[in-house]
Each structure stands twice: as structure tokens, then as C-alpha cells.
């Protein structure tokens, strides 16, 4: 096994403990002269950082792009990287069930097969209150595999409880709501639900020290409209809204211009020299030499080729 394995295992444990999503990339097959070897492993974080080794700069660029896509989809993937043209003859990735083959013209030879395993944290939900709705919600959560933190009073919720939480549900019937709502909004909790009647909920929102955009992030009355009446039914409607917020935020956007994706904040662009799709992150080579707009590259070699003759690649883009 690679000497880097123990530190990466410790890093994985740390990230998992902090509820940080990442992708574990493991080389399962390598054909020479690829620099990576079977067993080499790297972790790809949601911001595009790569920790570990699964190949040189060009292979890493492809791994980063595909790993971030698996992080959004939540599905594992076998990635094949080869310098040879893909089966479609157009250089586009060939997608099969559970696998994708990508032509990487920058590779000096060889071929890699890398297993990408997205490890997304179990959704953490904080529930405030001891009402029947709160108890029913907490009872349903484990069935979905959610990590539920029950806080009977506002004093039981600390900033640490909200950090990394995907949802906050308040069903305390007016007890300690306001400070927790403000803290949750400012902490960026994705879903914030207040169990209240439309009239009372509007009054609570009006009294918060938040602007209109921040108030709009609070769902009240909490839950999707399904005609719920009993505490259990209302809890189900709130769970449905939490699922919609937690799982429905994954939207993949692809374009030749840099494009942002909401779940991971990743940005992709097309290398004008080799045509590869690259993920724009700290450390991604780029150039402003063309004058019109910034360009990103898979490696320093492509950037050097572009800066030597920007007009050449501008013409290629136009054609």
C-alpha cells in the first residue's frame, strides 16, 4: 500500500467526524507508462482540492472534474482515463452504467482506471421543542438515516450544534424561537422551518433582526402542504420539505464558459489548447494573456502553449 495511506485514513476520519463531504479516489488499474500505481489514493474535497496522489497534473485534472460530479450525484463511478480517442470519435466522455471513459490528450501514455467513491455526510437535523410534532419528527428521522439532535429549549442549542447542520426545525410553540432562528440564518443552515400558524409565523418573522432576504429563508408554516392534521402527519410533511431542501439542491450546470454549481460551488471551464474540461479551483493554471477573458488549463504545459500564441487558440474557438 502507498506510504501516504495512513495519513489519508486519518484525514478521512477527520473529515467524516466534521461532516465534510469528499470523494475517495483509488487507482484500481494502471497501464504503463502511467505514473500512478494500483492502490494510490487521493481525497477530492468539495472546493476542488486534491489531497493524495492518483497521477500527474493532467490525470488529476480529469479526476477532479469527475469526482465533483459524483459528489453531486452521490453515486460511485469507475473512471477510465486514456490518451486515446474515446469510442464516439469526438473526444467526448463515453458514459456507461457505473463508468465513464475520458480521453485525456495531455497524458504521455498509459491508462488509468480510478474508482471514485463519494462520501457525503449523514444529514444532521436539530429539532427545538418538546411538542408532539417535535417528538414525532425526531422519531421519524432515524428511519431515513438522519442524525437528529433534540434540544428541549433554546439554551440547549449551541453554535456547535448548528455548524454543519442541514436543517433546523423549531416546534416549541413560541418558546425561545427568535434567537435560534437568527443564529441559524447567520450560520447558513440550508433548511430552517418554524412550526406556527401563518399569522403567528409572519409576526415572528417581522420581529427578527434580519433583512427581507434573510427572513425569506425561514419556512413557516413548516412543511409541504399535504393536508396534514395530526402531529405525525405534520412531522411527515416537514420531513418531506427537509428532504426536498437537502437532496433537491444538487443541480449540475455545464457550459464552455465557467459555470458554478450550487451544491459544491465547483466551477468548470474548457482548456482552449487540449479541449479538456477542467475544474477551476485554487491552483488551477490560468492565463489572462488573451486579453478578452481569463482562460483555465489542465496543466502548465497547455498554459505555456496558449500564452505563446493566444490568437491561434482564439481562432480555434471561433471555428
C-alpha atoms as a PDB file:
ATOM      1  CA  UNK A   1       0.000   0.000   0.000  1.00  0.00           C
ATOM      2  CA  UNK A   2       1.138   3.553  -0.651  1.00  0.00           C
ATOM      3  CA  UNK A   3       3.095   5.180   2.238  1.00  0.00           C
ATOM      4  CA  UNK A   4       0.564   8.036   2.132  1.00  0.00           C
ATOM      5  CA  UNK A   5      -2.296   5.715   3.118  1.00  0.00           C
ATOM      6  CA  UNK A   6      -2.212   6.101   6.936  1.00  0.00           C
ATOM      7  CA  UNK A   7      -2.298   9.936   6.851  1.00  0.00           C
ATOM      8  CA  UNK A   8      -5.143   9.817   4.326  1.00  0.00           C
ATOM      9  CA  UNK A   9      -7.058   7.385   6.511  1.00  0.00           C
ATOM     10  CA  UNK A  10      -6.663   9.768   9.433  1.00  0.00           C
ATOM     11  CA  UNK A  11      -7.747  12.643   7.217  1.00  0.00           C
ATOM     12  CA  UNK A  12     -10.827  10.693   6.112  1.00  0.00           C
ATOM     13  CA  UNK A  13     -11.738  10.064   9.743  1.00  0.00           C
ATOM     14  CA  UNK A  14     -11.317  13.761  10.486  1.00  0.00           C
ATOM     15  CA  UNK A  15     -13.478  14.873   7.554  1.00  0.00           C
ATOM     16  CA  UNK A  16     -16.152  12.305   8.399  1.00  0.00           C
ATOM     17  CA  UNK A  17     -16.199  13.441  12.017  1.00  0.00           C
ATOM     18  CA  UNK A  18     -16.657  17.053  10.906  1.00  0.00           C
ATOM     19  CA  UNK A  19     -19.432  16.110   8.432  1.00  0.00           C
ATOM     20  CA  UNK A  20     -17.371  17.366   5.478  1.00  0.00           C
ATOM     21  CA  UNK A  21     -18.225  15.770   2.095  1.00  0.00           C
ATOM     22  CA  UNK A  22     -15.402  14.367  -0.039  1.00  0.00           C
ATOM     23  CA  UNK A  23     -14.630  11.774  -2.696  1.00  0.00           C
ATOM     24  CA  UNK A  24     -12.181   8.938  -2.192  1.00  0.00           C
ATOM     25  CA  UNK A  25     -10.348   8.235  -5.468  1.00  0.00           C
ATOM     26  CA  UNK A  26      -8.468   4.929  -5.666  1.00  0.00           C
ATOM     27  CA  UNK A  27      -6.388   3.695  -8.602  1.00  0.00           C
ATOM     28  CA  UNK A  28      -7.520   0.147  -9.355  1.00  0.00           C
ATOM     29  CA  UNK A  29      -5.629  -0.394 -12.620  1.00  0.00           C
ATOM     30  CA  UNK A  30      -2.717   1.342 -14.309  1.00  0.00           C
ATOM     31  CA  UNK A  31      -1.130   0.644 -17.688  1.00  0.00           C
ATOM     32  CA  UNK A  32       2.401   1.914 -18.125  1.00  0.00           C
ATOM     33  CA  UNK A  33       3.837   4.467 -18.507  1.00  0.00           C
ATOM     34  CA  UNK A  34       1.229   5.939 -16.134  1.00  0.00           C
ATOM     35  CA  UNK A  35       2.879   7.445 -13.064  1.00  0.00           C
ATOM     36  CA  UNK A  36       0.208   6.189 -10.640  1.00  0.00           C
ATOM     37  CA  UNK A  37       0.044   2.620  -9.378  1.00  0.00           C
ATOM     38  CA  UNK A  38      -2.848   0.444  -8.175  1.00  0.00           C
ATOM     39  CA  UNK A  39      -3.644   1.345  -4.591  1.00  0.00           C
ATOM     40  CA  UNK A  40      -2.667   5.008  -4.915  1.00  0.00           C
ATOM     41  CA  UNK A  41      -5.354   7.100  -3.295  1.00  0.00           C
ATOM     42  CA  UNK A  42      -6.441  10.717  -3.104  1.00  0.00           C
ATOM     43  CA  UNK A  43      -9.261  12.647  -1.490  1.00  0.00           C
ATOM     44  CA  UNK A  44     -11.127  15.279  -3.515  1.00  0.00           C
ATOM     45  CA  UNK A  45     -12.869  17.929  -1.445  1.00  0.00           C
ATOM     46  CA  UNK A  46     -15.933  19.908  -2.492  1.00  0.00           C
ATOM     47  CA  UNK A  47     -13.841  23.001  -3.263  1.00  0.00           C
ATOM     48  CA  UNK A  48     -11.720  21.028  -5.732  1.00  0.00           C
ATOM     49  CA  UNK A  49      -8.686  20.460  -3.524  1.00  0.00           C
ATOM     50  CA  UNK A  50      -6.949  17.118  -4.088  1.00  0.00           C
ATOM     51  CA  UNK A  51      -5.059  15.504  -1.209  1.00  0.00           C
ATOM     52  CA  UNK A  52      -3.006  12.451  -2.095  1.00  0.00           C
ATOM     53  CA  UNK A  53      -1.841  11.076  -5.448  1.00  0.00           C
ATOM     54  CA  UNK A  54      -3.665   9.421  -8.347  1.00  0.00           C
ATOM     55  CA  UNK A  55      -1.475  10.587 -11.221  1.00  0.00           C
ATOM     56  CA  UNK A  56       0.177  13.647 -12.679  1.00  0.00           C
ATOM     57  CA  UNK A  57      -1.340  17.078 -13.214  1.00  0.00           C
ATOM     58  CA  UNK A  58      -3.313  16.093 -16.325  1.00  0.00           C
ATOM     59  CA  UNK A  59      -4.791  12.943 -14.798  1.00  0.00           C
ATOM     60  CA  UNK A  60      -5.550  14.862 -11.600  1.00  0.00           C
ATOM     61  CA  UNK A  61      -7.487  17.486 -13.590  1.00  0.00           C
ATOM     62  CA  UNK A  62      -9.772  14.794 -15.009  1.00  0.00           C
ATOM     63  CA  UNK A  63     -10.184  13.121 -11.620  1.00  0.00           C
ATOM     64  CA  UNK A  64     -11.155  16.447 -10.053  1.00  0.00           C
ATOM     65  CA  UNK A  65     -13.909  17.141 -12.597  1.00  0.00           C
ATOM     66  CA  UNK A  66     -15.428  13.659 -12.428  1.00  0.00           C
ATOM     67  CA  UNK A  67     -15.080  13.415  -8.634  1.00  0.00           C
ATOM     68  CA  UNK A  68     -17.030  16.638  -8.108  1.00  0.00           C
ATOM     69  CA  UNK A  69     -19.777  15.268 -10.344  1.00  0.00           C
ATOM     70  CA  UNK A  70     -20.018  12.115  -8.250  1.00  0.00           C
ATOM     71  CA  UNK A  71     -20.140  14.274  -5.138  1.00  0.00           C
ATOM     72  CA  UNK A  72     -23.224  15.991  -6.545  1.00  0.00           C
ATOM     73  CA  UNK A  73     -24.893  12.784  -7.694  1.00  0.00           C
ATOM     74  CA  UNK A  74     -23.898  10.665  -4.692  1.00  0.00           C
ATOM     75  CA  UNK A  75     -23.181   7.696  -6.962  1.00  0.00           C
ATOM     76  CA  UNK A  76     -19.855   5.851  -7.178  1.00  0.00           C
ATOM     77  CA  UNK A  77     -18.133   5.706 -10.540  1.00  0.00           C
ATOM     78  CA  UNK A  78     -15.323   3.852 -12.314  1.00  0.00           C
ATOM     79  CA  UNK A  79     -13.295   6.427 -14.251  1.00  0.00           C
ATOM     80  CA  UNK A  80     -11.148   5.314 -17.176  1.00  0.00           C
ATOM     81  CA  UNK A  81      -8.560   7.818 -18.423  1.00  0.00           C
ATOM     82  CA  UNK A  82      -6.667   7.224 -21.651  1.00  0.00           C
ATOM     83  CA  UNK A  83      -4.754   9.421 -24.116  1.00  0.00           C
ATOM     84  CA  UNK A  84      -6.557   7.632 -26.941  1.00  0.00           C
ATOM     85  CA  UNK A  85      -9.694   8.956 -28.577  1.00  0.00           C
ATOM     86  CA  UNK A  86     -12.938   7.748 -26.999  1.00  0.00           C
ATOM     87  CA  UNK A  87     -15.286   5.359 -28.771  1.00  0.00           C
ATOM     88  CA  UNK A  88     -17.539   8.165 -30.036  1.00  0.00           C
ATOM     89  CA  UNK A  89     -14.657   9.567 -32.051  1.00  0.00           C
ATOM     90  CA  UNK A  90     -15.414  13.107 -30.912  1.00  0.00           C
ATOM     91  CA  UNK A  91     -13.360  13.192 -27.744  1.00  0.00           C
ATOM     92  CA  UNK A  92     -16.444  13.373 -25.549  1.00  0.00           C
ATOM     93  CA  UNK A  93     -16.633  11.211 -22.410  1.00  0.00           C
ATOM     94  CA  UNK A  94     -18.302   7.862 -23.005  1.00  0.00           C
ATOM     95  CA  UNK A  95     -20.788   7.175 -20.236  1.00  0.00           C
ATOM     96  CA  UNK A  96     -21.852   3.650 -19.326  1.00  0.00           C
ATOM     97  CA  UNK A  97     -23.754   2.384 -16.312  1.00  0.00           C
ATOM     98  CA  UNK A  98     -21.427   2.998 -13.372  1.00  0.00           C
ATOM     99  CA  UNK A  99     -18.467   4.028 -15.534  1.00  0.00           C
ATOM    100  CA  UNK A 100     -17.178   6.833 -17.719  1.00  0.00           C
ATOM    101  CA  UNK A 101     -14.262   6.815 -20.176  1.00  0.00           C
ATOM    102  CA  UNK A 102     -12.442  10.085 -20.801  1.00  0.00           C
ATOM    103  CA  UNK A 103      -9.815  10.835 -23.441  1.00  0.00           C
ATOM    104  CA  UNK A 104      -7.049  12.931 -21.919  1.00  0.00           C
ATOM    105  CA  UNK A 105      -4.799  14.104 -24.764  1.00  0.00           C
ATOM    106  CA  UNK A 106      -2.246  15.504 -22.322  1.00  0.00           C
ATOM    107  CA  UNK A 107      -1.269  12.099 -20.958  1.00  0.00           C
ATOM    108  CA  UNK A 108       2.159  10.931 -22.084  1.00  0.00           C
ATOM    109  CA  UNK A 109       0.812   7.424 -22.454  1.00  0.00           C
ATOM    110  CA  UNK A 110      -0.590   4.649 -20.346  1.00  0.00           C
ATOM    111  CA  UNK A 111      -4.078   4.316 -18.995  1.00  0.00           C
ATOM    112  CA  UNK A 112      -5.705   4.624 -15.582  1.00  0.00           C
ATOM    113  CA  UNK A 113      -8.819   3.193 -14.022  1.00  0.00           C
ATOM    114  CA  UNK A 114      -9.839   5.004 -10.848  1.00  0.00           C
ATOM    115  CA  UNK A 115     -12.737   4.198  -8.567  1.00  0.00           C
ATOM    116  CA  UNK A 116     -14.485   7.317  -7.299  1.00  0.00           C
ATOM    117  CA  UNK A 117     -16.462   6.896  -4.094  1.00  0.00           C
ATOM    118  CA  UNK A 118     -18.406   9.946  -2.874  1.00  0.00           C
ATOM    119  CA  UNK A 119     -18.654  10.099   0.895  1.00  0.00           C
ATOM    120  CA  UNK A 120     -21.342  12.564   1.831  1.00  0.00           C
ATOM    121  CA  UNK A 121     -22.168  13.208   5.483  1.00  0.00           C
ATOM    122  CA  UNK A 122     -25.367  11.932   7.024  1.00  0.00           C
ATOM    123  CA  UNK A 123     -27.777  14.905   7.145  1.00  0.00           C
ATOM    124  CA  UNK A 124     -27.761  16.496  10.583  1.00  0.00           C
ATOM    125  CA  UNK A 125     -31.038  17.963  11.817  1.00  0.00           C
ATOM    126  CA  UNK A 126     -31.556  19.976  15.000  1.00  0.00           C
ATOM    127  CA  UNK A 127     -35.061  19.898  16.492  1.00  0.00           C
ATOM    128  CA  UNK A 128     -36.087  22.503  19.059  1.00  0.00           C
ATOM    129  CA  UNK A 129     -39.092  21.817  21.278  1.00  0.00           C
ATOM    130  CA  UNK A 130     -40.881  19.112  23.221  1.00  0.00           C
ATOM    131  CA  UNK A 131     -44.193  19.324  21.394  1.00  0.00           C
ATOM    132  CA  UNK A 132     -45.871  16.225  19.912  1.00  0.00           C
ATOM    133  CA  UNK A 133     -44.778  17.401  16.447  1.00  0.00           C
ATOM    134  CA  UNK A 134     -41.158  17.682  17.579  1.00  0.00           C
ATOM    135  CA  UNK A 135     -41.245  14.209  19.153  1.00  0.00           C
ATOM    136  CA  UNK A 136     -42.829  12.686  16.039  1.00  0.00           C
ATOM    137  CA  UNK A 137     -40.243  14.342  13.800  1.00  0.00           C
ATOM    138  CA  UNK A 138     -37.380  13.046  15.936  1.00  0.00           C
ATOM    139  CA  UNK A 139     -38.855   9.538  15.834  1.00  0.00           C
ATOM    140  CA  UNK A 140     -39.070   9.508  12.019  1.00  0.00           C
ATOM    141  CA  UNK A 141     -35.574  10.883  11.411  1.00  0.00           C
ATOM    142  CA  UNK A 142     -33.554   7.720  12.177  1.00  0.00           C
ATOM    143  CA  UNK A 143     -35.676   5.737   9.712  1.00  0.00           C
ATOM    144  CA  UNK A 144     -34.156   7.933   6.982  1.00  0.00           C
ATOM    145  CA  UNK A 145     -30.692   7.601   8.454  1.00  0.00           C
ATOM    146  CA  UNK A 146     -30.649  11.226   9.609  1.00  0.00           C
ATOM    147  CA  UNK A 147     -28.696  12.336  12.655  1.00  0.00           C
ATOM    148  CA  UNK A 148     -31.225  14.055  14.919  1.00  0.00           C
ATOM    149  CA  UNK A 149     -30.241  16.371  17.764  1.00  0.00           C
ATOM    150  CA  UNK A 150     -33.118  17.092  20.113  1.00  0.00           C
ATOM    151  CA  UNK A 151     -32.967  20.348  22.057  1.00  0.00           C
ATOM    152  CA  UNK A 152     -35.834  20.857  24.522  1.00  0.00           C
ATOM    153  CA  UNK A 153     -35.023  24.564  24.933  1.00  0.00           C
ATOM    154  CA  UNK A 154     -33.160  27.325  23.110  1.00  0.00           C
ATOM    155  CA  UNK A 155     -30.403  27.172  25.719  1.00  0.00           C
ATOM    156  CA  UNK A 156     -29.759  23.600  24.578  1.00  0.00           C
ATOM    157  CA  UNK A 157     -28.677  24.731  21.105  1.00  0.00           C
ATOM    158  CA  UNK A 158     -25.109  25.930  20.775  1.00  0.00           C
ATOM    159  CA  UNK A 159     -23.331  27.334  17.708  1.00  0.00           C
ATOM    160  CA  UNK A 160     -21.557  23.981  17.504  1.00  0.00           C
ATOM    161  CA  UNK A 161     -24.924  22.238  17.140  1.00  0.00           C
ATOM    162  CA  UNK A 162     -25.785  24.400  14.135  1.00  0.00           C
ATOM    163  CA  UNK A 163     -22.376  24.161  12.472  1.00  0.00           C
ATOM    164  CA  UNK A 164     -22.617  21.590   9.705  1.00  0.00           C
ATOM    165  CA  UNK A 165     -26.351  21.061  10.262  1.00  0.00           C
ATOM    166  CA  UNK A 166     -28.512  20.632   7.183  1.00  0.00           C
ATOM    167  CA  UNK A 167     -31.779  21.566   8.866  1.00  0.00           C
ATOM    168  CA  UNK A 168     -33.291  23.208  11.923  1.00  0.00           C
ATOM    169  CA  UNK A 169     -36.900  22.504  12.841  1.00  0.00           C
ATOM    170  CA  UNK A 170     -38.487  24.639  15.570  1.00  0.00           C
ATOM    171  CA  UNK A 171     -41.661  23.259  17.119  1.00  0.00           C
ATOM    172  CA  UNK A 172     -41.543  24.880  20.553  1.00  0.00           C
ATOM    173  CA  UNK A 173     -44.773  26.890  20.280  1.00  0.00           C
ATOM    174  CA  UNK A 174     -43.238  30.281  20.973  1.00  0.00           C
ATOM    175  CA  UNK A 175     -40.512  29.279  23.430  1.00  0.00           C
ATOM    176  CA  UNK A 176     -37.041  30.576  22.563  1.00  0.00           C
ATOM    177  CA  UNK A 177     -37.649  30.781  18.825  1.00  0.00           C
ATOM    178  CA  UNK A 178     -36.257  34.174  17.849  1.00  0.00           C
ATOM    179  CA  UNK A 179     -32.571  33.909  18.867  1.00  0.00           C
ATOM    180  CA  UNK A 180     -32.259  30.427  17.398  1.00  0.00           C
ATOM    181  CA  UNK A 181     -33.825  31.496  14.100  1.00  0.00           C
ATOM    182  CA  UNK A 182     -31.401  34.410  13.790  1.00  0.00           C
ATOM    183  CA  UNK A 183     -28.418  32.186  14.649  1.00  0.00           C
ATOM    184  CA  UNK A 184     -29.486  29.569  12.102  1.00  0.00           C
ATOM    185  CA  UNK A 185     -29.868  32.122   9.307  1.00  0.00           C
ATOM    186  CA  UNK A 186     -26.483  33.640  10.049  1.00  0.00           C
ATOM    187  CA  UNK A 187     -24.910  30.187  10.283  1.00  0.00           C
ATOM    188  CA  UNK A 188     -26.193  29.382   6.782  1.00  0.00           C
ATOM    189  CA  UNK A 189     -28.263  26.336   7.771  1.00  0.00           C
ATOM    190  CA  UNK A 190     -29.824  25.176   4.455  1.00  0.00           C
ATOM    191  CA  UNK A 191     -33.303  24.427   5.827  1.00  0.00           C
ATOM    192  CA  UNK A 192     -34.932  26.405   8.637  1.00  0.00           C
ATOM    193  CA  UNK A 193     -38.532  25.506   9.476  1.00  0.00           C
ATOM    194  CA  UNK A 194     -40.798  27.157  12.043  1.00  0.00           C
ATOM    195  CA  UNK A 195     -43.949  25.326  13.106  1.00  0.00           C
ATOM    196  CA  UNK A 196     -46.552  28.065  13.515  1.00  0.00           C
ATOM    197  CA  UNK A 197     -49.795  29.284  12.036  1.00  0.00           C
ATOM    198  CA  UNK A 198     -49.422  31.646   9.049  1.00  0.00           C
ATOM    199  CA  UNK A 199     -50.408  34.607  11.219  1.00  0.00           C
ATOM    200  CA  UNK A 200     -48.081  33.832  14.114  1.00  0.00           C
ATOM    201  CA  UNK A 201     -45.252  32.837  11.803  1.00  0.00           C
ATOM    202  CA  UNK A 202     -45.481  36.166   9.957  1.00  0.00           C
ATOM    203  CA  UNK A 203     -45.423  38.034  13.267  1.00  0.00           C
ATOM    204  CA  UNK A 204     -42.313  36.145  14.404  1.00  0.00           C
ATOM    205  CA  UNK A 205     -40.509  36.913  11.148  1.00  0.00           C
ATOM    206  CA  UNK A 206     -41.396  40.611  11.359  1.00  0.00           C
ATOM    207  CA  UNK A 207     -39.780  40.809  14.789  1.00  0.00           C
ATOM    208  CA  UNK A 208     -36.438  39.302  13.772  1.00  0.00           C
ATOM    209  CA  UNK A 209     -33.314  41.422  13.337  1.00  0.00           C
ATOM    210  CA  UNK A 210     -32.917  40.199   9.765  1.00  0.00           C
ATOM    211  CA  UNK A 211     -33.366  41.715   6.328  1.00  0.00           C
ATOM    212  CA  UNK A 212     -36.098  40.623   3.910  1.00  0.00           C
ATOM    213  CA  UNK A 213     -33.859  38.184   2.045  1.00  0.00           C
ATOM    214  CA  UNK A 214     -32.771  36.516   5.277  1.00  0.00           C
ATOM    215  CA  UNK A 215     -36.351  36.239   6.540  1.00  0.00           C
ATOM    216  CA  UNK A 216     -37.343  34.575   3.275  1.00  0.00           C
ATOM    217  CA  UNK A 217     -35.034  31.666   4.114  1.00  0.00           C
ATOM    218  CA  UNK A 218     -37.254  30.637   7.011  1.00  0.00           C
ATOM    219  CA  UNK A 219     -40.100  28.273   6.064  1.00  0.00           C
ATOM    220  CA  UNK A 220     -43.257  28.982   8.027  1.00  0.00           C
ATOM    221  CA  UNK A 221     -45.605  27.261   8.357  1.00  0.00           C
ATOM    222  CA  UNK A 222     -43.015  24.483   8.073  1.00  0.00           C
ATOM    223  CA  UNK A 223     -43.831  21.513   5.858  1.00  0.00           C
ATOM    224  CA  UNK A 224     -45.250  20.781   2.437  1.00  0.00           C
ATOM    225  CA  UNK A 225     -48.996  21.088   2.020  1.00  0.00           C
ATOM    226  CA  UNK A 226     -50.343  17.508   2.089  1.00  0.00           C
ATOM    227  CA  UNK A 227     -53.456  18.088   4.144  1.00  0.00           C
ATOM    228  CA  UNK A 228     -51.688  17.013   7.357  1.00  0.00           C
ATOM    229  CA  UNK A 229     -53.673  17.259  10.584  1.00  0.00           C
ATOM    230  CA  UNK A 230     -52.153  15.044  13.299  1.00  0.00           C
ATOM    231  CA  UNK A 231     -48.688  15.627  14.827  1.00  0.00           C
ATOM    232  CA  UNK A 232     -47.351  12.593  12.984  1.00  0.00           C
ATOM    233  CA  UNK A 233     -48.726  13.771   9.646  1.00  0.00           C
ATOM    234  CA  UNK A 234     -47.322  17.247  10.159  1.00  0.00           C
ATOM    235  CA  UNK A 235     -43.944  15.733  11.016  1.00  0.00           C
ATOM    236  CA  UNK A 236     -44.054  13.772   7.750  1.00  0.00           C
ATOM    237  CA  UNK A 237     -44.837  16.958   5.797  1.00  0.00           C
ATOM    238  CA  UNK A 238     -41.865  18.707   7.420  1.00  0.00           C
ATOM    239  CA  UNK A 239     -39.581  15.747   6.725  1.00  0.00           C
ATOM    240  CA  UNK A 240     -40.654  15.866   3.086  1.00  0.00           C
ATOM    241  CA  UNK A 241     -39.703  19.540   2.913  1.00  0.00           C
ATOM    242  CA  UNK A 242     -36.361  18.832   4.602  1.00  0.00           C
ATOM    243  CA  UNK A 243     -35.632  16.072   2.081  1.00  0.00           C
ATOM    244  CA  UNK A 244     -36.555  18.412  -0.758  1.00  0.00           C
ATOM    245  CA  UNK A 245     -34.176  21.066   0.584  1.00  0.00           C
ATOM    246  CA  UNK A 246     -31.304  18.691   1.372  1.00  0.00           C
ATOM    247  CA  UNK A 247     -31.473  16.456  -1.707  1.00  0.00           C
ATOM    248  CA  UNK A 248     -33.021  18.832  -4.217  1.00  0.00           C
ATOM    249  CA  UNK A 249     -30.178  21.333  -4.152  1.00  0.00           C
ATOM    250  CA  UNK A 250     -27.979  19.241  -6.446  1.00  0.00           C
ATOM    251  CA  UNK A 251     -28.043  20.914  -9.862  1.00  0.00           C
ATOM    252  CA  UNK A 252     -25.297  20.275 -12.370  1.00  0.00           C
ATOM    253  CA  UNK A 253     -24.546  23.077 -14.805  1.00  0.00           C
ATOM    254  CA  UNK A 254     -22.222  22.582 -17.744  1.00  0.00           C
ATOM    255  CA  UNK A 255     -21.078  25.190 -20.244  1.00  0.00           C
ATOM    256  CA  UNK A 256     -17.926  26.160 -22.093  1.00  0.00           C
ATOM    257  CA  UNK A 257     -17.753  29.311 -20.015  1.00  0.00           C
ATOM    258  CA  UNK A 258     -17.005  28.832 -16.316  1.00  0.00           C
ATOM    259  CA  UNK A 259     -20.149  27.679 -14.534  1.00  0.00           C
ATOM    260  CA  UNK A 260     -20.967  27.402 -10.860  1.00  0.00           C
ATOM    261  CA  UNK A 261     -22.864  24.503  -9.320  1.00  0.00           C
ATOM    262  CA  UNK A 262     -24.811  25.222  -6.129  1.00  0.00           C
ATOM    263  CA  UNK A 263     -24.049  22.086  -4.140  1.00  0.00           C
ATOM    264  CA  UNK A 264     -20.266  22.068  -4.316  1.00  0.00           C
ATOM    265  CA  UNK A 265     -19.580  25.590  -5.520  1.00  0.00           C
ATOM    266  CA  UNK A 266     -17.350  23.990  -8.208  1.00  0.00           C
ATOM    267  CA  UNK A 267     -16.606  25.792 -11.465  1.00  0.00           C
ATOM    268  CA  UNK A 268     -15.697  24.168 -14.763  1.00  0.00           C
ATOM    269  CA  UNK A 269     -14.107  25.542 -17.916  1.00  0.00           C
ATOM    270  CA  UNK A 270     -12.758  24.140 -21.182  1.00  0.00           C
ATOM    271  CA  UNK A 271      -8.995  24.201 -21.765  1.00  0.00           C
ATOM    272  CA  UNK A 272      -8.646  26.008 -25.141  1.00  0.00           C
ATOM    273  CA  UNK A 273      -5.483  24.070 -26.015  1.00  0.00           C
ATOM    274  CA  UNK A 274      -6.380  20.423 -25.427  1.00  0.00           C
ATOM    275  CA  UNK A 275     -10.174  20.701 -25.115  1.00  0.00           C
ATOM    276  CA  UNK A 276     -10.314  19.081 -21.689  1.00  0.00           C
ATOM    277  CA  UNK A 277     -12.930  20.104 -19.162  1.00  0.00           C
ATOM    278  CA  UNK A 278     -11.159  21.319 -16.038  1.00  0.00           C
ATOM    279  CA  UNK A 279     -12.415  22.235 -12.603  1.00  0.00           C
ATOM    280  CA  UNK A 280     -11.473  25.756 -11.595  1.00  0.00           C
ATOM    281  CA  UNK A 281     -10.047  25.776  -8.085  1.00  0.00           C
ATOM    282  CA  UNK A 282      -7.140  27.207  -6.156  1.00  0.00           C
ATOM    283  CA  UNK A 283      -4.029  26.142  -8.014  1.00  0.00           C
ATOM    284  CA  UNK A 284      -5.709  25.560 -11.411  1.00  0.00           C
ATOM    285  CA  UNK A 285      -3.392  27.100 -14.059  1.00  0.00           C
ATOM    286  CA  UNK A 286      -4.894  30.130 -15.797  1.00  0.00           C
ATOM    287  CA  UNK A 287      -3.911  32.968 -18.074  1.00  0.00           C
ATOM    288  CA  UNK A 288      -5.164  36.457 -18.828  1.00  0.00           C
ATOM    289  CA  UNK A 289      -2.845  36.643 -21.845  1.00  0.00           C
ATOM    290  CA  UNK A 290      -5.636  36.502 -24.393  1.00  0.00           C
ATOM    291  CA  UNK A 291      -6.854  39.915 -23.361  1.00  0.00           C
ATOM    292  CA  UNK A 292     -10.589  39.289 -23.622  1.00  0.00           C
ATOM    293  CA  UNK A 293     -11.216  36.869 -20.759  1.00  0.00           C
ATOM    294  CA  UNK A 294      -9.422  34.578 -18.346  1.00  0.00           C
ATOM    295  CA  UNK A 295      -8.677  31.052 -19.554  1.00  0.00           C
ATOM    296  CA  UNK A 296      -8.055  27.965 -17.414  1.00  0.00           C
ATOM    297  CA  UNK A 297      -5.883  24.971 -18.266  1.00  0.00           C
ATOM    298  CA  UNK A 298      -5.372  21.365 -17.228  1.00  0.00           C
ATOM    299  CA  UNK A 299      -1.637  21.884 -16.747  1.00  0.00           C
ATOM    300  CA  UNK A 300       1.189  24.396 -17.051  1.00  0.00           C
ATOM    301  CA  UNK A 301       2.141  22.961 -20.446  1.00  0.00           C
ATOM    302  CA  UNK A 302      -1.173  23.896 -22.029  1.00  0.00           C
ATOM    303  CA  UNK A 303      -0.980  27.354 -20.454  1.00  0.00           C
ATOM    304  CA  UNK A 304       2.512  27.877 -21.908  1.00  0.00           C
ATOM    305  CA  UNK A 305       1.298  26.818 -25.370  1.00  0.00           C
ATOM    306  CA  UNK A 306      -1.622  29.236 -25.148  1.00  0.00           C
ATOM    307  CA  UNK A 307       0.478  32.178 -23.981  1.00  0.00           C
ATOM    308  CA  UNK A 308       2.931  31.574 -26.812  1.00  0.00           C
ATOM    309  CA  UNK A 309       0.191  32.185 -29.395  1.00  0.00           C
ATOM    310  CA  UNK A 310      -3.201  33.197 -27.908  1.00  0.00           C
ATOM    311  CA  UNK A 311      -4.551  34.236 -31.311  1.00  0.00           C
ATOM    312  CA  UNK A 312      -4.163  30.675 -32.603  1.00  0.00           C
ATOM    313  CA  UNK A 313      -6.498  29.259 -29.970  1.00  0.00           C
ATOM    314  CA  UNK A 314      -8.920  32.154 -30.272  1.00  0.00           C
ATOM    315  CA  UNK A 315      -9.309  31.232 -33.940  1.00  0.00           C
ATOM    316  CA  UNK A 316      -9.837  27.596 -32.990  1.00  0.00           C
ATOM    317  CA  UNK A 317     -12.609  28.631 -30.599  1.00  0.00           C
ATOM    318  CA  UNK A 318     -14.284  30.687 -33.301  1.00  0.00           C
ATOM    319  CA  UNK A 319     -14.257  27.808 -35.745  1.00  0.00           C
END
